[in-house]
N, C-alpha and C. Protein backbone atom coordinates (compact mmCIF):
# COMPACT_ATOMS: atom_id res chain seq x y z
N MET A 1 85.90 96.95 61.59
CA MET A 1 86.32 98.04 60.56
C MET A 1 85.32 97.64 59.64
N PRO A 2 84.21 98.70 59.29
CA PRO A 2 83.16 98.64 58.29
C PRO A 2 84.00 98.56 56.66
N MET A 3 83.05 97.78 55.87
CA MET A 3 83.80 97.53 54.72
C MET A 3 83.61 98.47 53.73
N THR A 4 84.53 99.16 53.32
CA THR A 4 84.53 100.47 52.19
C THR A 4 85.22 99.80 50.89
N ASP A 5 85.07 100.47 49.81
CA ASP A 5 85.86 100.08 48.67
C ASP A 5 87.30 100.15 48.76
N GLN A 6 87.92 101.12 49.68
CA GLN A 6 89.33 101.32 50.24
C GLN A 6 89.64 99.89 50.89
N SER A 7 88.82 99.52 51.89
CA SER A 7 89.16 98.36 52.81
C SER A 7 89.20 97.14 51.60
N VAL A 8 88.55 97.24 50.64
CA VAL A 8 88.65 95.81 50.00
C VAL A 8 89.75 95.85 49.10
N ALA A 9 90.09 97.00 48.44
CA ALA A 9 91.28 97.31 47.90
C ALA A 9 92.49 96.87 48.45
N ASP A 10 92.52 97.19 49.73
CA ASP A 10 93.95 96.86 50.80
C ASP A 10 93.66 95.37 51.05
N ALA A 11 92.68 94.98 51.01
CA ALA A 11 92.29 93.40 51.16
C ALA A 11 92.78 92.67 50.10
N LYS A 12 92.58 93.04 48.76
CA LYS A 12 93.09 92.44 47.69
C LYS A 12 94.55 92.58 47.62
N ILE A 13 95.05 93.54 47.91
CA ILE A 13 96.79 93.70 47.94
C ILE A 13 97.40 92.90 48.92
N HIS A 14 96.69 92.90 50.13
CA HIS A 14 97.22 91.94 51.05
C HIS A 14 97.05 90.23 50.66
N ILE A 15 95.90 90.10 50.24
CA ILE A 15 95.80 88.80 49.75
C ILE A 15 96.60 88.40 48.75
N LEU A 16 96.77 89.29 47.53
CA LEU A 16 97.86 88.76 46.40
C LEU A 16 99.37 88.76 47.18
N ALA A 17 99.53 89.64 47.80
CA ALA A 17 101.01 89.51 48.29
C ALA A 17 101.17 88.28 49.16
N LEU A 18 100.15 87.79 50.22
CA LEU A 18 100.27 86.54 50.60
C LEU A 18 100.39 85.37 49.79
N VAL A 19 99.59 85.16 48.63
CA VAL A 19 99.44 84.14 47.60
C VAL A 19 100.59 84.03 46.85
N GLY A 20 100.93 85.39 46.57
CA GLY A 20 102.33 85.42 45.78
C GLY A 20 103.69 85.03 46.47
N SER A 21 103.46 85.12 47.84
CA SER A 21 104.56 84.71 48.79
C SER A 21 104.46 83.44 48.86
N VAL A 22 103.37 82.71 48.93
CA VAL A 22 102.96 81.47 49.33
C VAL A 22 102.37 80.66 48.57
N PRO A 23 102.64 80.52 47.33
CA PRO A 23 102.17 79.96 46.08
C PRO A 23 101.42 78.48 46.72
N GLY A 24 100.29 78.09 46.33
CA GLY A 24 99.61 76.55 46.82
C GLY A 24 98.94 76.82 48.14
N VAL A 25 98.80 78.13 48.96
CA VAL A 25 98.52 78.26 50.05
C VAL A 25 96.83 77.67 50.00
N SER A 26 96.35 77.04 51.06
CA SER A 26 95.00 76.51 51.19
C SER A 26 93.88 77.88 51.41
N TYR A 27 93.25 77.89 51.16
CA TYR A 27 92.03 78.70 51.16
C TYR A 27 91.81 78.91 52.71
N PRO A 28 91.60 77.87 53.63
CA PRO A 28 91.25 77.97 55.07
C PRO A 28 92.60 78.48 55.53
N MET A 29 93.56 78.39 55.49
CA MET A 29 94.88 79.01 55.83
C MET A 29 94.96 80.57 55.85
N LEU A 30 94.79 81.05 54.36
CA LEU A 30 94.90 82.35 53.94
C LEU A 30 93.72 83.06 54.37
N MET A 31 92.68 82.41 54.69
CA MET A 31 91.33 83.06 55.54
C MET A 31 91.95 83.48 56.76
N ASP A 32 92.42 82.25 57.60
CA ASP A 32 92.62 82.42 59.04
C ASP A 32 93.60 83.74 58.95
N LYS A 33 94.85 83.57 58.36
CA LYS A 33 95.79 84.48 58.27
C LYS A 33 95.19 85.86 58.18
N CYS A 34 94.34 85.93 57.28
CA CYS A 34 93.91 87.33 57.07
C CYS A 34 93.00 88.03 58.12
N LEU A 35 92.03 87.01 58.43
CA LEU A 35 91.34 87.24 59.79
C LEU A 35 91.82 87.85 60.83
N SER A 36 92.84 86.99 61.21
CA SER A 36 93.74 87.08 62.65
C SER A 36 94.82 88.30 62.74
N SER A 37 95.46 88.42 61.64
CA SER A 37 96.54 89.27 61.73
C SER A 37 96.47 90.57 60.79
N LEU A 38 95.84 90.35 59.73
CA LEU A 38 95.56 91.50 58.90
C LEU A 38 94.70 92.62 58.70
N TYR A 39 93.87 92.56 59.80
CA TYR A 39 92.88 93.56 60.02
C TYR A 39 91.75 93.89 59.18
N MET A 40 91.38 92.69 58.98
CA MET A 40 90.12 92.60 57.82
C MET A 40 89.03 91.69 58.41
N ASP A 41 87.99 92.03 58.04
CA ASP A 41 86.66 90.95 58.93
C ASP A 41 86.32 89.84 57.61
N PHE A 42 85.52 89.05 57.75
CA PHE A 42 85.25 87.83 57.11
C PHE A 42 84.56 88.42 55.88
N PHE A 43 83.73 89.60 55.86
CA PHE A 43 83.11 90.14 54.45
C PHE A 43 84.14 90.73 53.84
N THR A 44 84.95 91.55 54.24
CA THR A 44 85.90 92.26 53.26
C THR A 44 86.67 91.27 53.01
N PHE A 45 87.25 89.89 53.51
CA PHE A 45 88.16 89.08 53.11
C PHE A 45 87.16 88.39 51.57
N SER A 46 85.85 88.11 52.19
CA SER A 46 85.24 87.20 51.12
C SER A 46 84.85 88.10 49.85
N ARG A 47 84.76 89.22 49.95
CA ARG A 47 84.42 90.12 48.81
C ARG A 47 85.93 90.23 48.13
N ALA A 48 87.06 90.69 48.81
CA ALA A 48 88.30 90.86 48.02
C ALA A 48 88.67 89.15 47.46
N TYR A 49 88.34 88.35 48.10
CA TYR A 49 88.72 87.03 47.63
C TYR A 49 87.96 86.57 46.15
N GLU A 50 86.61 86.89 46.38
CA GLU A 50 85.60 86.64 45.28
C GLU A 50 86.26 87.41 43.99
N GLU A 51 86.53 88.73 44.20
CA GLU A 51 86.78 89.61 43.17
C GLU A 51 88.33 89.33 42.48
N LEU A 52 89.00 88.94 43.29
CA LEU A 52 90.41 88.25 42.73
C LEU A 52 90.33 87.16 42.16
N ILE A 53 89.43 86.44 42.10
CA ILE A 53 89.13 85.22 41.55
C ILE A 53 88.28 85.58 40.27
N ALA A 54 87.46 86.17 40.44
CA ALA A 54 86.36 86.55 39.15
C ALA A 54 87.19 87.57 38.18
N GLY A 55 88.36 88.11 38.82
CA GLY A 55 89.01 89.03 37.85
C GLY A 55 90.26 88.16 37.24
N ASN A 56 90.29 86.88 37.56
CA ASN A 56 91.45 86.25 36.86
C ASN A 56 92.83 86.57 37.45
N LEU A 57 92.70 87.31 38.86
CA LEU A 57 94.16 87.47 39.18
C LEU A 57 94.75 86.46 40.11
N MET A 58 93.88 85.48 40.47
CA MET A 58 94.20 84.25 41.25
C MET A 58 93.65 82.96 40.66
N ASP A 59 94.29 82.01 40.78
CA ASP A 59 93.70 80.77 40.30
C ASP A 59 93.56 79.55 41.55
N LYS A 60 92.45 78.70 41.44
CA LYS A 60 92.47 77.83 42.43
C LYS A 60 92.32 76.54 42.05
N SER A 61 93.10 75.76 42.70
CA SER A 61 92.87 74.34 42.44
C SER A 61 92.07 73.55 43.23
N ILE A 62 91.65 72.32 43.18
CA ILE A 62 90.93 71.71 44.27
C ILE A 62 91.77 70.46 44.77
N LYS A 63 92.23 70.24 46.22
CA LYS A 63 93.04 69.70 46.57
C LYS A 63 92.13 68.63 47.36
N THR A 64 91.59 67.28 46.97
CA THR A 64 90.68 66.46 47.66
C THR A 64 91.37 66.09 48.83
N THR A 65 90.75 66.30 49.87
CA THR A 65 91.07 65.85 51.34
C THR A 65 90.77 64.62 51.50
N GLY A 66 89.33 64.19 51.13
CA GLY A 66 88.90 62.88 51.66
C GLY A 66 87.90 63.24 52.99
N GLN A 67 88.21 64.63 53.60
CA GLN A 67 87.16 64.84 54.83
C GLN A 67 85.73 64.74 54.29
N THR A 68 85.12 64.89 55.54
CA THR A 68 83.65 64.96 55.25
C THR A 68 83.06 66.46 55.22
N VAL A 69 84.21 67.29 55.62
CA VAL A 69 83.99 68.90 55.40
C VAL A 69 84.11 69.13 53.69
N GLY A 70 84.86 68.09 52.83
CA GLY A 70 84.86 68.69 51.46
C GLY A 70 86.36 68.86 51.31
N ASP A 71 86.56 69.26 49.82
CA ASP A 71 87.84 69.41 49.41
C ASP A 71 88.55 70.72 49.67
N THR A 72 89.68 70.97 49.43
CA THR A 72 90.40 72.13 49.86
C THR A 72 90.83 73.12 48.74
N GLU A 73 90.48 74.37 48.57
CA GLU A 73 90.91 74.97 47.33
C GLU A 73 92.59 75.63 47.51
N CYS A 74 93.59 75.19 46.67
CA CYS A 74 94.95 75.84 47.04
C CYS A 74 94.94 76.67 45.80
N LEU A 75 95.53 77.89 46.16
CA LEU A 75 95.55 79.23 45.53
C LEU A 75 97.05 79.47 45.15
N THR A 76 97.02 80.13 43.75
CA THR A 76 98.23 80.50 43.03
C THR A 76 98.01 81.86 42.58
N LEU A 77 98.66 82.88 42.11
CA LEU A 77 98.51 83.83 41.36
C LEU A 77 98.61 83.66 39.85
N SER A 78 97.54 84.07 39.11
CA SER A 78 97.78 83.89 37.59
C SER A 78 98.63 84.81 37.02
N GLU A 79 99.07 84.83 35.98
CA GLU A 79 100.03 85.78 35.24
C GLU A 79 99.73 87.30 35.43
N GLY A 80 98.46 87.36 35.21
CA GLY A 80 97.82 88.52 35.50
C GLY A 80 98.03 89.11 36.91
N GLY A 81 97.62 88.23 37.91
CA GLY A 81 98.13 88.48 39.27
C GLY A 81 99.14 89.16 39.64
N LYS A 82 100.22 88.26 38.91
CA LYS A 82 101.75 88.48 39.32
C LYS A 82 102.06 89.86 38.75
N ALA A 83 101.38 90.17 37.69
CA ALA A 83 102.07 91.47 36.83
C ALA A 83 101.37 92.59 37.80
N VAL A 84 100.14 92.47 38.28
CA VAL A 84 99.49 93.34 39.33
C VAL A 84 100.17 93.54 40.26
N LEU A 85 100.52 92.36 41.22
CA LEU A 85 101.34 92.59 42.30
C LEU A 85 102.73 93.25 42.04
N THR A 86 103.59 92.90 40.94
CA THR A 86 104.74 93.62 40.78
C THR A 86 104.49 94.95 40.37
N ASP A 87 103.20 95.58 39.82
CA ASP A 87 102.87 97.08 39.92
C ASP A 87 102.98 97.67 41.27
N LEU A 88 102.18 96.81 42.30
CA LEU A 88 101.58 97.56 43.33
C LEU A 88 102.81 97.41 44.52
N LYS A 89 103.68 96.39 44.29
CA LYS A 89 104.46 96.27 45.27
C LYS A 89 105.15 97.61 45.99
N ALA A 90 105.50 98.58 44.82
CA ALA A 90 106.30 99.64 45.22
C ALA A 90 105.44 100.74 45.98
N THR A 91 103.96 100.36 46.06
CA THR A 91 103.14 101.51 46.90
C THR A 91 102.95 101.14 48.14
N ILE A 92 103.27 99.73 48.43
CA ILE A 92 102.94 99.28 49.94
C ILE A 92 104.13 99.70 50.80
N ASN A 93 103.17 100.38 51.91
CA ASN A 93 103.93 101.09 53.04
C ASN A 93 104.90 100.15 53.71
N PRO A 94 106.11 100.61 53.79
CA PRO A 94 106.97 99.58 54.37
C PRO A 94 106.68 98.93 55.78
N GLU A 95 105.76 99.50 56.86
CA GLU A 95 105.27 98.79 57.81
C GLU A 95 104.52 97.64 57.32
N VAL A 96 103.63 98.09 56.65
CA VAL A 96 102.56 97.05 56.27
C VAL A 96 103.33 95.80 55.31
N LYS A 97 104.19 96.25 54.52
CA LYS A 97 105.10 95.25 53.64
C LYS A 97 105.70 94.12 54.87
N LEU A 98 106.38 94.64 56.07
CA LEU A 98 106.79 93.75 56.92
C LEU A 98 106.03 92.93 57.54
N HIS A 99 104.51 93.70 57.94
CA HIS A 99 103.68 92.90 58.60
C HIS A 99 103.42 91.69 57.42
N LEU A 100 103.25 91.85 56.16
CA LEU A 100 102.91 90.87 55.09
C LEU A 100 103.96 89.91 55.06
N GLU A 101 105.37 90.28 55.12
CA GLU A 101 106.38 89.35 54.90
C GLU A 101 106.38 88.19 56.20
N ARG A 102 106.22 88.95 57.33
CA ARG A 102 106.01 87.96 58.76
C ARG A 102 104.67 86.92 58.39
N ALA A 103 103.74 87.52 58.08
CA ALA A 103 102.29 86.67 57.72
C ALA A 103 102.52 85.52 56.74
N ALA A 104 103.71 86.00 55.72
CA ALA A 104 104.02 84.91 54.70
C ALA A 104 104.53 83.91 55.36
N GLU A 105 105.57 84.19 56.19
CA GLU A 105 106.47 83.29 56.76
C GLU A 105 105.88 82.43 57.83
N ASP A 106 105.04 82.79 58.37
CA ASP A 106 103.81 82.01 59.30
C ASP A 106 103.22 81.24 58.45
N LEU A 107 102.47 81.65 57.24
CA LEU A 107 101.93 80.57 56.57
C LEU A 107 102.64 79.43 55.76
N ILE A 108 104.03 79.71 55.45
CA ILE A 108 104.91 79.12 54.87
C ILE A 108 105.17 78.03 55.95
N ALA A 109 105.38 78.12 57.30
CA ALA A 109 105.89 77.33 58.33
C ALA A 109 104.41 76.47 58.29
N LYS A 110 103.43 76.95 58.43
CA LYS A 110 102.12 76.13 58.75
C LYS A 110 102.13 75.18 57.37
N LYS A 111 102.42 75.53 56.24
CA LYS A 111 102.39 74.59 54.93
C LYS A 111 103.07 73.62 55.21
N LYS A 112 104.20 73.83 55.43
CA LYS A 112 105.35 73.01 55.64
C LYS A 112 104.74 72.01 56.59
N ALA A 113 104.27 72.38 57.78
CA ALA A 113 103.86 71.25 58.69
C ALA A 113 102.49 70.36 58.28
N ASP A 114 101.87 71.14 57.01
CA ASP A 114 100.65 70.23 56.37
C ASP A 114 101.07 68.95 55.89
N ASN A 115 102.65 68.73 55.80
CA ASN A 115 103.22 67.35 55.45
C ASN A 115 103.26 66.57 56.77
N SER A 116 103.02 66.86 57.82
CA SER A 116 102.82 65.88 58.76
C SER A 116 102.02 64.65 58.60
N PRO A 117 102.22 63.56 59.29
CA PRO A 117 101.39 62.31 59.07
C PRO A 117 100.08 62.69 59.67
N TYR A 118 99.17 62.57 58.87
CA TYR A 118 97.55 62.54 59.68
C TYR A 118 96.74 61.29 59.05
N THR A 119 95.58 61.16 59.78
CA THR A 119 94.81 60.07 59.38
C THR A 119 93.33 60.75 59.02
N LEU A 120 92.48 60.06 58.39
CA LEU A 120 91.07 60.11 58.24
C LEU A 120 90.07 58.79 58.42
N THR A 121 89.07 58.91 58.80
CA THR A 121 88.40 57.62 58.97
C THR A 121 87.01 57.88 57.96
N GLU A 122 86.54 56.86 57.68
CA GLU A 122 85.13 56.82 56.94
C GLU A 122 84.44 55.15 57.08
N PRO A 123 83.43 55.33 57.04
CA PRO A 123 82.60 53.95 57.13
C PRO A 123 82.93 53.35 56.03
N ALA A 124 83.26 51.97 55.98
CA ALA A 124 83.38 50.84 54.98
C ALA A 124 82.48 49.78 55.24
N GLU A 125 82.44 49.04 54.22
CA GLU A 125 81.62 47.75 54.15
C GLU A 125 81.63 46.96 55.36
N ASP A 126 80.95 45.79 55.35
CA ASP A 126 81.01 44.95 56.43
C ASP A 126 81.21 45.58 57.82
N ASN A 127 80.72 46.84 58.10
CA ASN A 127 80.74 47.50 59.37
C ASN A 127 82.32 47.72 59.87
N LYS A 128 83.14 47.95 58.92
CA LYS A 128 84.38 48.10 58.98
C LYS A 128 84.81 49.74 58.94
N ILE A 129 85.97 49.81 59.43
CA ILE A 129 86.18 51.37 59.28
C ILE A 129 87.29 51.69 58.36
N ALA A 130 87.23 52.53 57.52
CA ALA A 130 88.68 52.71 56.61
C ALA A 130 89.21 53.62 56.98
N LEU A 131 90.40 53.40 57.39
CA LEU A 131 91.62 54.31 57.84
C LEU A 131 92.52 54.85 56.71
N ILE A 132 92.38 56.09 56.55
CA ILE A 132 93.34 56.81 55.43
C ILE A 132 94.43 57.01 55.92
N LEU A 133 95.67 56.78 55.77
CA LEU A 133 96.91 57.30 56.18
C LEU A 133 97.41 58.17 55.03
N LYS A 134 97.91 59.36 55.58
CA LYS A 134 98.47 60.46 54.69
C LYS A 134 99.71 60.94 55.45
N CYS A 135 100.62 61.36 54.58
CA CYS A 135 101.99 62.07 54.80
C CYS A 135 102.38 62.64 53.33
N GLY A 136 102.41 63.93 53.36
CA GLY A 136 102.88 64.68 52.20
C GLY A 136 102.10 64.20 51.07
N ASP A 137 102.88 63.78 50.14
CA ASP A 137 102.05 63.11 48.87
C ASP A 137 101.75 61.79 48.77
N PHE A 138 102.16 60.98 49.98
CA PHE A 138 101.61 59.45 50.09
C PHE A 138 100.20 59.59 50.90
N GLU A 139 99.53 58.42 50.43
CA GLU A 139 98.14 58.42 50.63
C GLU A 139 97.96 56.70 50.64
N ALA A 140 97.30 55.93 51.86
CA ALA A 140 97.19 54.37 51.67
C ALA A 140 95.82 54.59 52.39
N LYS A 141 95.09 53.64 52.35
CA LYS A 141 93.70 52.97 53.03
C LYS A 141 93.86 51.67 53.33
N ILE A 142 93.69 51.54 54.74
CA ILE A 142 93.65 50.25 55.21
C ILE A 142 92.27 50.31 56.11
N PHE A 143 92.04 48.92 56.27
CA PHE A 143 90.57 48.77 56.76
C PHE A 143 90.99 48.07 58.43
N CYS A 144 90.06 48.65 59.13
CA CYS A 144 90.01 48.46 60.44
C CYS A 144 88.88 47.47 60.90
N GLU A 145 88.92 46.50 61.91
CA GLU A 145 87.48 45.90 62.37
C GLU A 145 86.68 47.16 63.15
N ASP A 146 87.33 47.83 63.83
CA ASP A 146 86.30 48.69 64.73
C ASP A 146 87.01 50.17 64.87
N MET A 147 86.37 50.97 65.62
CA MET A 147 87.29 52.22 65.87
C MET A 147 88.07 52.22 66.81
N ARG A 148 88.16 51.16 67.68
CA ARG A 148 89.54 51.16 68.93
C ARG A 148 90.55 51.01 67.61
N GLN A 149 90.37 49.83 66.95
CA GLN A 149 91.88 49.73 66.30
C GLN A 149 92.17 50.39 65.31
N ALA A 150 91.36 51.23 64.73
CA ALA A 150 91.66 52.57 63.95
C ALA A 150 92.23 53.61 64.91
N ASP A 151 92.06 53.84 66.25
CA ASP A 151 92.31 54.97 66.76
C ASP A 151 93.86 54.48 67.05
N GLU A 152 94.18 53.16 67.51
CA GLU A 152 95.34 52.82 67.81
C GLU A 152 96.56 52.78 66.82
N LEU A 153 95.98 52.45 65.60
CA LEU A 153 96.78 52.46 64.29
C LEU A 153 96.94 53.98 64.04
N SER A 154 96.15 54.83 64.18
CA SER A 154 96.19 56.60 63.88
C SER A 154 97.23 56.74 64.56
N LYS A 155 97.25 56.77 65.87
CA LYS A 155 98.31 57.10 67.02
C LYS A 155 99.74 56.79 66.37
N LYS A 156 99.77 55.60 65.96
CA LYS A 156 100.90 55.25 65.82
C LYS A 156 101.40 55.77 64.22
N TRP A 157 100.56 55.99 63.55
CA TRP A 157 100.73 56.67 62.15
C TRP A 157 101.45 57.89 62.33
N LYS A 158 100.77 58.86 63.13
CA LYS A 158 101.09 60.00 63.60
C LYS A 158 102.52 60.46 64.13
N ILE A 159 102.84 59.03 64.92
CA ILE A 159 104.50 59.15 65.32
C ILE A 159 105.33 58.65 64.22
N ARG A 160 105.08 57.31 63.61
CA ARG A 160 105.84 56.86 62.49
C ARG A 160 105.85 57.03 61.01
N GLY A 161 104.75 57.81 60.68
CA GLY A 161 104.22 57.99 59.07
C GLY A 161 105.28 58.68 58.50
N LYS A 162 106.20 59.28 58.65
CA LYS A 162 107.42 59.97 58.00
C LYS A 162 108.03 58.70 57.61
N ASP A 163 108.64 58.05 58.53
CA ASP A 163 109.33 57.27 58.58
C ASP A 163 108.85 55.79 57.49
N LEU A 164 107.87 55.67 57.93
CA LEU A 164 107.05 54.61 57.09
C LEU A 164 107.17 54.74 55.73
N THR A 165 106.55 56.19 55.62
CA THR A 165 106.48 56.62 54.28
C THR A 165 107.79 56.31 53.47
N GLN A 166 108.78 56.84 53.96
CA GLN A 166 110.06 57.11 53.24
C GLN A 166 110.52 55.52 53.11
N ASP A 167 110.32 54.63 54.16
CA ASP A 167 110.77 53.14 53.81
C ASP A 167 109.87 52.53 52.52
N PHE A 168 108.78 52.87 52.77
CA PHE A 168 108.01 52.47 51.54
C PHE A 168 108.45 53.01 50.15
N LYS A 169 108.48 54.04 49.94
CA LYS A 169 109.04 54.84 48.78
C LYS A 169 110.39 54.22 48.42
N SER A 170 111.20 54.03 49.41
CA SER A 170 112.64 53.24 48.89
C SER A 170 112.59 51.93 48.51
N LYS A 171 111.62 51.36 49.05
CA LYS A 171 111.43 49.76 48.98
C LYS A 171 111.05 49.87 47.47
N LEU A 172 110.03 50.54 47.14
CA LEU A 172 109.47 50.98 45.78
C LEU A 172 110.46 51.02 44.69
N GLU A 173 111.55 51.88 45.18
CA GLU A 173 112.63 52.28 44.16
C GLU A 173 113.65 51.19 43.73
N ASP A 174 113.69 50.15 44.78
CA ASP A 174 114.84 49.27 44.53
C ASP A 174 114.50 48.25 43.48
């Protein structure tokens, strides 16, 4: 699909609708959903996204991931973006509206799954490996002697991380 002013305008409406339905969605999740199921190419998505940010219709906050690829932008609608979306909702074709609702449901499910336990590793002093344990809003860093130990602990964290996080928080509250 070649990029036209109309395709960029449509992409803006689709992006506003998704971010309005899934506040706090990450940039990578939004881009993936738009490119895979909303019939836009990367260049159309990028132009629409940048124009929405530049036009103060969307706000982005930075979520530090600790990963080597960098931080993740989390997106919400600004007050102006909410007003524009409210005005435009009535003009969206019912079939497109249904497609957007399904895409939003998928993003919500993926966003909830992001609270699953996961780990990151990074080099530490004395040839050790720093293993960062994450689950929802919980984060801890432990130091491992080598990558084998880090891998073992990482596997266990992915299985038991939610329970351990709850136990840790409840012990702090006692």
